[in-house]
Amino acid sequence: MTRACATTLDAAAPRESGVGDGCAIRLGPYDVVVRGAHPQALADFAHLYSAQRIGALQQTERIELEITRRSLGLGRSRYAIQCGDETIFSDLRSREVLPYLEWAVNYRFIATCRRYLLLHAATVVWRGHGIVLVGSSGSGKSTLAAALAARGGQYLCDEFAVIDPGELSIHPFPRALCVKSGSFAIMRAVGLPMWRRRCHVKAFKGRVGYVRPADLNAATEPHAVDTIILPRFTGATAPAMHEIPLSQAAFALAANALNAPEHPRSTADAMAQLAAQSVCRVLEVGDIHATADLLERLIIQRSYAQAG
């Protein structure tokens, strides 16, 4: 570990904490520790998660990653990201390290999380309503979650719905929002500051930037789920929303499950119950402002109905 890496942790952190000279943060139910041979990536990671930095590990569940360096000579290097003896990613260029480090956190979370059911979804709380936006990459779920956060919603995650399978509540896992270059203008349009200290590259996404959790009004507490949205990006300017049967919503939830929690309730049963307690809609995503307006109207109507 180089001397520069040591500056990413509070100098008062005890060595016996297990943090050492790395950067440690708290993401929901997990502590995440990153060490390694890329001082700039460590400094960037620490800055992205400055509001979630910790000086000593407390959670029993944690992710520990190390960045290793391989010299190619003539001043060139390649990097790998490892967890213990497992190499998660290898042969990375310098500008790829941070995005793949973020990806490695996701990978280890899915691989080790058994207490919660994980769905491929974005999650946000708006006007007291827990919203799960379920869809594949490119469906618009992350952009829509960001737009709601910019309007005062509480951001939980752009990648996972972290669900307690007993209570069926969603828990925060406030990772940085990864934004493809084609969506930079959308982030500016909804008023979110882009964090781009350097150009980063991530596989098929190409050039990417980030919005920090601190700029997304990240939630700190779990919340009940009562709204299931299946966003579909159609390219049309005008958005539209359609009610769907509970069975269709439950199937979509189950199809996006990423793990099997250690809990007696089966995934299918949990998803059926989650759909049954929620309003379920398909949302055709168009202009981001109009789409967020449409979703807001649904939530406001429900709030008035509940109050009446």
Protein backbone atom coordinates (compact mmCIF):
# COMPACT_ATOMS: atom_id res chain seq x y z
CA MET A 1 0.00 0.00 0.00
CA THR A 2 1.41 3.37 -0.98
CA ARG A 3 1.57 6.26 1.43
CA ALA A 4 -0.96 8.24 -0.62
CA CYS A 5 -3.62 5.57 -0.01
CA ALA A 6 -3.41 6.04 3.73
CA THR A 7 -4.87 9.53 3.41
CA THR A 8 -8.26 8.10 2.34
CA LEU A 9 -9.00 6.98 5.92
CA ASP A 10 -9.22 8.92 9.14
CA ALA A 11 -5.75 8.81 10.62
CA ALA A 12 -7.26 8.06 14.03
CA ALA A 13 -8.86 4.81 12.86
CA PRO A 14 -7.50 1.89 14.90
CA ARG A 15 -5.49 -0.67 13.00
CA GLU A 16 -7.36 -3.51 14.72
CA SER A 17 -10.62 -2.28 13.15
CA GLY A 18 -9.83 -4.30 10.04
CA VAL A 19 -9.74 -1.15 7.89
CA GLY A 20 -5.98 -0.75 7.79
CA ASP A 21 -4.86 1.84 5.24
CA GLY A 22 -7.84 1.47 2.92
CA CYS A 23 -11.04 3.42 2.38
CA ALA A 24 -14.05 2.18 4.37
CA ILE A 25 -17.69 3.17 3.83
CA ARG A 26 -21.08 1.97 5.00
CA LEU A 27 -23.63 0.95 2.37
CA GLY A 28 -26.90 0.01 4.04
CA PRO A 29 -26.41 -3.29 5.89
CA TYR A 30 -22.80 -3.73 4.71
CA ASP A 31 -19.41 -2.24 5.49
CA VAL A 32 -17.28 -1.92 2.35
CA VAL A 33 -13.47 -1.76 2.57
CA VAL A 34 -11.25 -1.02 -0.42
CA ARG A 35 -7.45 -1.18 -0.38
CA GLY A 36 -4.84 -1.42 -3.07
CA ALA A 37 -2.29 -0.12 -5.48
CA HIS A 38 -4.26 2.65 -7.20
CA PRO A 39 -4.16 5.77 -4.97
CA GLN A 40 -6.28 7.85 -7.36
CA ALA A 41 -9.10 5.27 -7.52
CA LEU A 42 -9.10 5.03 -3.73
CA ALA A 43 -9.24 8.81 -3.39
CA ASP A 44 -12.08 8.99 -5.94
CA PHE A 45 -14.00 6.23 -4.17
CA ALA A 46 -13.56 8.02 -0.84
CA HIS A 47 -14.82 11.30 -2.34
CA LEU A 48 -17.82 9.68 -4.01
CA TYR A 49 -18.88 8.28 -0.65
CA SER A 50 -17.61 11.03 1.62
CA ALA A 51 -20.89 11.16 3.58
CA GLN A 52 -20.72 7.41 4.23
CA ARG A 53 -17.10 7.13 5.31
CA ILE A 54 -16.38 5.22 8.53
CA GLY A 55 -13.23 4.90 10.63
CA ALA A 56 -13.93 1.48 12.13
CA LEU A 57 -15.88 -1.55 10.94
CA GLN A 58 -19.05 -2.41 12.83
CA GLN A 59 -21.24 -4.53 10.59
CA THR A 60 -20.87 -8.31 10.67
CA GLU A 61 -21.54 -8.36 6.93
CA ARG A 62 -18.87 -6.72 4.85
CA ILE A 63 -17.22 -6.57 1.45
CA GLU A 64 -13.44 -6.32 1.25
CA LEU A 65 -11.77 -5.60 -2.08
CA GLU A 66 -8.19 -5.02 -3.13
CA ILE A 67 -6.80 -3.35 -6.24
CA THR A 68 -3.61 -4.98 -7.51
CA ARG A 69 -1.20 -3.64 -10.11
CA ARG A 70 0.78 -5.42 -12.83
CA SER A 71 3.54 -3.54 -14.63
CA LEU A 72 3.79 -3.91 -18.41
CA GLY A 73 6.98 -1.87 -18.64
CA LEU A 74 7.53 1.50 -20.32
CA GLY A 75 5.38 3.14 -17.66
CA ARG A 76 2.29 1.09 -18.51
CA SER A 77 0.25 -0.86 -15.98
CA ARG A 78 -2.83 -3.04 -15.75
CA TYR A 79 -4.98 -3.50 -12.68
CA ALA A 80 -7.13 -6.21 -11.16
CA ILE A 81 -9.82 -6.17 -8.47
CA GLN A 82 -9.74 -9.07 -6.05
CA CYS A 83 -11.73 -10.39 -3.10
CA GLY A 84 -9.45 -12.72 -1.18
CA ASP A 85 -8.20 -15.32 -3.65
CA GLU A 86 -10.91 -14.53 -6.19
CA THR A 87 -10.05 -12.21 -9.08
CA ILE A 88 -13.28 -10.43 -9.97
CA PHE A 89 -11.95 -8.23 -12.79
CA SER A 90 -8.52 -8.16 -14.43
CA ASP A 91 -6.53 -6.40 -17.16
CA LEU A 92 -8.08 -3.02 -16.36
CA ARG A 93 -6.71 0.29 -17.58
CA SER A 94 -6.34 3.07 -15.05
CA ARG A 95 -9.53 4.91 -16.02
CA GLU A 96 -11.52 1.66 -15.78
CA VAL A 97 -10.62 0.92 -12.17
CA LEU A 98 -13.25 3.05 -10.38
CA PRO A 99 -16.26 1.88 -12.47
CA TYR A 100 -15.20 -1.76 -12.13
CA LEU A 101 -14.60 -1.27 -8.42
CA GLU A 102 -18.23 -0.14 -8.16
CA TRP A 103 -19.26 -3.17 -10.20
CA ALA A 104 -17.26 -5.46 -7.89
CA VAL A 105 -19.16 -4.11 -4.87
CA ASN A 106 -22.43 -5.05 -6.60
CA TYR A 107 -21.10 -8.48 -7.51
CA ARG A 108 -20.02 -9.29 -3.96
CA PHE A 109 -23.27 -7.94 -2.52
CA ILE A 110 -25.31 -10.30 -4.71
CA ALA A 111 -22.96 -13.21 -4.00
CA THR A 112 -22.99 -12.86 -0.20
CA CYS A 113 -26.33 -11.28 0.75
CA ARG A 114 -28.69 -13.89 2.18
CA ARG A 115 -30.58 -11.89 4.79
CA TYR A 116 -32.41 -9.85 2.14
CA LEU A 117 -34.06 -10.58 -1.18
CA LEU A 118 -32.40 -8.58 -3.96
CA LEU A 119 -34.22 -7.47 -7.09
CA HIS A 120 -32.76 -5.71 -10.12
CA ALA A 121 -34.61 -2.45 -9.52
CA ALA A 122 -34.25 1.18 -8.51
CA THR A 123 -35.90 2.25 -5.27
CA VAL A 124 -37.00 5.61 -3.91
CA VAL A 125 -39.38 6.96 -1.28
CA TRP A 126 -41.55 9.85 -2.40
CA ARG A 127 -44.24 11.55 -0.31
CA GLY A 128 -44.06 8.66 2.12
CA HIS A 129 -44.60 5.99 -0.53
CA GLY A 130 -42.01 3.25 -1.13
CA ILE A 131 -41.56 2.89 -4.89
CA VAL A 132 -39.86 -0.04 -6.62
CA LEU A 133 -38.95 0.59 -10.28
CA VAL A 134 -38.32 -2.84 -11.80
CA GLY A 135 -36.69 -3.24 -15.18
CA SER A 136 -33.69 -4.19 -17.23
CA SER A 137 -30.80 -1.89 -18.09
CA GLY A 138 -31.96 0.87 -20.41
CA SER A 139 -35.57 0.85 -19.21
CA GLY A 140 -35.21 4.25 -17.55
CA LYS A 141 -35.51 3.12 -13.92
CA SER A 142 -32.30 4.78 -12.70
CA THR A 143 -33.03 8.07 -14.47
CA LEU A 144 -36.56 8.13 -13.10
CA ALA A 145 -35.34 7.41 -9.55
CA ALA A 146 -32.84 10.26 -9.92
CA ALA A 147 -35.58 12.62 -11.16
CA LEU A 148 -37.78 11.80 -8.15
CA ALA A 149 -34.83 12.28 -5.79
CA ALA A 150 -34.17 15.67 -7.37
CA ARG A 151 -37.80 16.59 -6.61
CA GLY A 152 -37.42 15.82 -2.93
CA GLY A 153 -37.68 12.05 -2.85
CA GLN A 154 -35.39 9.86 -0.75
CA TYR A 155 -32.97 7.77 -2.79
CA LEU A 156 -32.41 4.17 -1.69
CA CYS A 157 -30.58 2.60 -4.66
CA ASP A 158 -30.45 2.69 -8.45
CA GLU A 159 -29.49 -0.98 -8.87
CA PHE A 160 -31.16 -3.06 -6.15
CA ALA A 161 -34.38 -3.35 -4.26
CA VAL A 162 -33.09 -4.69 -0.94
CA ILE A 163 -36.17 -6.34 0.53
CA ASP A 164 -36.67 -7.84 3.96
CA PRO A 165 -38.47 -11.08 3.00
CA GLY A 166 -40.38 -11.18 6.29
CA GLU A 167 -41.58 -7.58 6.55
CA LEU A 168 -41.47 -6.90 2.78
CA SER A 169 -39.87 -3.50 3.41
CA ILE A 170 -37.15 -1.94 1.23
CA HIS A 171 -33.80 -1.04 2.78
CA PRO A 172 -31.31 1.59 1.58
CA PHE A 173 -28.17 0.60 -0.30
CA PRO A 174 -27.20 4.11 -1.47
CA ARG A 175 -24.49 3.49 -4.02
CA ALA A 176 -23.36 6.26 -6.36
CA LEU A 177 -25.60 6.68 -9.40
CA CYS A 178 -23.64 5.62 -12.51
CA VAL A 179 -24.69 7.74 -15.51
CA LYS A 180 -23.92 6.98 -19.15
CA SER A 181 -22.64 9.88 -21.22
CA GLY A 182 -25.92 10.03 -23.16
CA SER A 183 -27.75 10.84 -19.92
CA PHE A 184 -25.45 13.60 -18.64
CA ALA A 185 -27.81 16.23 -20.09
CA ILE A 186 -30.80 14.61 -18.35
CA MET A 187 -29.06 14.84 -14.99
CA ARG A 188 -28.41 18.52 -15.60
CA ALA A 189 -32.03 19.00 -16.69
CA VAL A 190 -33.41 17.59 -13.44
CA GLY A 191 -30.93 19.66 -11.42
CA LEU A 192 -28.54 16.98 -10.16
CA PRO A 193 -24.81 17.79 -10.04
CA MET A 194 -22.63 15.40 -12.01
CA TRP A 195 -19.45 14.24 -10.29
CA ARG A 196 -16.84 13.81 -13.01
CA ARG A 197 -13.38 14.51 -11.70
CA ARG A 198 -11.97 12.35 -14.48
CA CYS A 199 -13.18 10.42 -17.52
CA HIS A 200 -14.12 6.87 -16.55
CA VAL A 201 -14.92 3.98 -18.87
CA LYS A 202 -17.15 1.00 -18.09
CA ALA A 203 -17.42 -1.86 -20.60
CA PHE A 204 -20.45 -1.54 -22.90
CA LYS A 205 -21.59 1.68 -21.20
CA GLY A 206 -18.57 3.56 -22.53
CA ARG A 207 -17.82 6.90 -20.86
CA VAL A 208 -19.61 7.28 -17.53
CA GLY A 209 -20.00 9.83 -14.77
CA TYR A 210 -21.54 9.73 -11.31
CA VAL A 211 -23.99 11.45 -9.02
CA ARG A 212 -22.93 11.15 -5.40
CA PRO A 213 -25.37 9.67 -2.85
CA ALA A 214 -24.96 12.86 -0.80
CA ASP A 215 -26.49 14.79 -3.72
CA LEU A 216 -29.43 12.38 -4.02
CA ASN A 217 -30.98 12.83 -0.55
CA ALA A 218 -30.06 9.25 0.35
CA ALA A 219 -32.43 7.48 2.76
CA THR A 220 -31.09 5.95 5.96
CA GLU A 221 -34.10 3.91 7.12
CA PRO A 222 -36.19 1.09 5.57
CA HIS A 223 -39.65 1.79 4.24
CA ALA A 224 -42.78 -0.17 3.36
CA VAL A 225 -43.37 -0.88 -0.34
CA ASP A 226 -46.72 0.15 -1.79
CA THR A 227 -45.98 1.08 -5.42
CA ILE A 228 -44.56 -1.21 -8.12
CA ILE A 229 -43.63 0.47 -11.42
CA LEU A 230 -42.41 -1.36 -14.53
CA PRO A 231 -40.75 1.39 -16.63
CA ARG A 232 -40.35 0.83 -20.36
CA PHE A 233 -38.35 3.26 -22.44
CA THR A 234 -40.22 3.67 -25.73
CA GLY A 235 -38.55 6.77 -27.18
CA ALA A 236 -41.93 8.53 -27.38
CA THR A 237 -42.08 12.09 -26.08
CA ALA A 238 -45.34 11.68 -24.17
CA PRO A 239 -45.30 9.15 -21.31
CA ALA A 240 -48.20 6.83 -20.54
CA MET A 241 -49.21 4.66 -17.60
CA HIS A 242 -51.25 1.45 -17.60
CA GLU A 243 -52.65 -0.65 -14.78
CA ILE A 244 -51.56 -4.30 -14.87
CA PRO A 245 -52.80 -7.48 -13.16
CA LEU A 246 -51.12 -8.40 -9.89
CA SER A 247 -49.98 -11.68 -11.44
CA GLN A 248 -48.05 -9.80 -14.15
CA ALA A 249 -46.40 -7.58 -11.55
CA ALA A 250 -45.49 -10.57 -9.35
CA PHE A 251 -44.00 -12.40 -12.34
CA ALA A 252 -41.93 -9.34 -13.30
CA LEU A 253 -40.64 -9.06 -9.73
CA ALA A 254 -39.72 -12.76 -9.56
CA ALA A 255 -38.02 -12.58 -12.97
CA ASN A 256 -35.74 -9.83 -11.63
CA ALA A 257 -34.77 -11.64 -8.40
CA LEU A 258 -30.98 -11.84 -8.02
CA ASN A 259 -30.60 -14.14 -5.02
CA ALA A 260 -32.44 -16.51 -2.70
CA PRO A 261 -32.50 -15.28 0.90
CA GLU A 262 -32.22 -17.66 3.82
CA HIS A 263 -35.85 -17.33 4.82
CA PRO A 264 -38.75 -19.77 4.84
CA ARG A 265 -40.87 -17.62 2.55
CA SER A 266 -40.17 -18.56 -1.08
CA THR A 267 -39.27 -15.89 -3.60
CA ALA A 268 -42.50 -16.51 -5.53
CA ASP A 269 -44.62 -16.14 -2.39
CA ALA A 270 -42.80 -12.96 -1.37
CA MET A 271 -43.26 -11.39 -4.78
CA ALA A 272 -46.95 -12.29 -4.89
CA GLN A 273 -47.45 -10.67 -1.47
CA LEU A 274 -45.42 -7.61 -2.48
CA ALA A 275 -47.58 -7.13 -5.58
CA ALA A 276 -50.77 -7.68 -3.58
CA GLN A 277 -49.95 -4.86 -1.15
CA SER A 278 -48.98 -2.41 -3.92
CA VAL A 279 -50.41 -0.38 -6.75
CA CYS A 280 -48.87 -1.88 -9.90
CA ARG A 281 -48.38 0.01 -13.16
CA VAL A 282 -46.48 -0.15 -16.43
CA LEU A 283 -44.93 3.25 -17.14
CA GLU A 284 -43.92 4.14 -20.69
CA VAL A 285 -41.00 6.51 -20.19
CA GLY A 286 -40.83 9.58 -22.40
CA ASP A 287 -39.64 13.09 -21.62
CA ILE A 288 -38.15 12.84 -18.13
CA HIS A 289 -40.05 15.83 -16.71
CA ALA A 290 -43.39 14.67 -18.11
CA THR A 291 -42.73 11.11 -16.93
CA ALA A 292 -41.89 12.24 -13.40
CA ASP A 293 -45.00 14.46 -13.42
CA LEU A 294 -47.16 11.46 -14.37
CA LEU A 295 -45.73 9.32 -11.59
CA GLU A 296 -46.10 12.17 -9.11
CA ARG A 297 -49.79 12.50 -9.98
CA LEU A 298 -50.32 8.82 -9.23
CA ILE A 299 -48.65 9.18 -5.81
CA ILE A 300 -50.49 12.41 -4.97
CA GLN A 301 -53.84 10.82 -5.86
CA ARG A 302 -53.04 7.87 -3.60
CA SER A 303 -52.01 10.19 -0.77
CA TYR A 304 -55.30 12.10 -1.02
CA ALA A 305 -57.28 8.85 -1.17
CA GLN A 306 -55.56 7.53 1.93
CA ALA A 307 -56.06 10.82 3.78
CA GLY A 308 -59.76 10.84 2.90
